[in-house]
Protein backbone atom coordinates (compact mmCIF):
# COMPACT_ATOMS: atom_id res chain seq x y z
CA MET A 1 98.23 -18.24 124.38
CA LYS A 2 96.18 -16.10 126.75
CA LEU A 3 95.88 -19.00 129.19
CA HIS A 4 99.64 -19.50 129.12
CA ALA A 5 100.14 -15.82 129.90
CA VAL A 6 97.74 -16.00 132.84
CA GLY A 7 99.56 -19.03 134.21
CA ASP A 8 103.05 -17.64 133.68
CA ASN A 9 102.78 -13.98 134.62
CA GLU A 10 100.50 -12.60 137.30
CA ALA A 11 101.09 -9.06 136.03
CA ARG A 12 99.21 -9.99 132.84
CA HIS A 13 96.10 -11.24 134.64
CA GLY A 14 94.11 -8.04 134.18
CA LYS A 15 94.27 -7.72 130.41
CA ASP A 16 94.42 -11.40 129.51
CA LEU A 17 91.60 -12.43 131.83
CA LEU A 18 89.39 -9.69 130.39
CA ASP A 19 90.20 -10.89 126.87
CA ILE A 20 89.42 -14.52 127.73
CA ARG A 21 86.15 -13.59 129.45
CA GLU A 22 85.14 -11.43 126.47
CA LEU A 23 85.84 -14.25 124.00
CA LEU A 24 83.80 -16.69 126.06
CA SER A 25 80.88 -14.28 126.44
CA GLU A 26 80.83 -13.49 122.71
CA ASN A 27 80.84 -17.20 121.82
CA PRO A 28 78.51 -18.93 124.29
CA GLY A 29 78.28 -22.69 124.06
CA VAL A 30 81.23 -23.10 121.69
CA ILE A 31 83.33 -24.68 124.44
CA SER A 32 81.61 -26.70 127.14
CA ASP A 33 82.16 -25.74 130.73
CA GLU A 34 84.03 -29.00 131.35
CA ARG A 35 86.32 -28.39 128.35
CA GLN A 36 86.97 -24.83 129.58
CA ARG A 37 87.99 -26.27 132.94
CA GLN A 38 90.34 -28.79 131.31
CA LEU A 39 92.02 -26.16 129.13
CA CYS A 40 92.34 -23.65 131.93
CA GLU A 41 93.90 -26.19 134.28
CA LYS A 42 96.23 -27.50 131.59
CA PHE A 43 97.56 -24.15 130.40
CA ALA A 44 97.01 -21.75 133.31
CA GLY A 45 97.51 -24.10 136.24
CA PRO A 46 95.23 -25.60 138.87
CA ASP A 47 93.58 -22.26 139.66
CA GLY A 48 93.19 -21.24 136.01
CA TYR A 49 89.49 -22.02 135.73
CA ASP A 50 88.66 -20.10 138.89
CA LEU A 51 90.67 -17.12 137.63
CA VAL A 52 88.73 -17.05 134.37
CA LYS A 53 85.30 -17.61 135.91
CA THR A 54 85.60 -15.33 138.95
CA PRO A 55 85.54 -11.60 138.16
CA ARG A 56 87.90 -9.57 140.30
């Protein structure tokens, strides 16, 4: 759901990206980097992975 929000509404980037990054940092190795990329691109669009991985 957070990835959908990031892809659909730029105004939600701040909170949702922080939540996604926190979940990933608290659960290292649960989802491979390649799987993260696939999910981000599928649900948040072609730039989804970069949005999640690049702190702003």
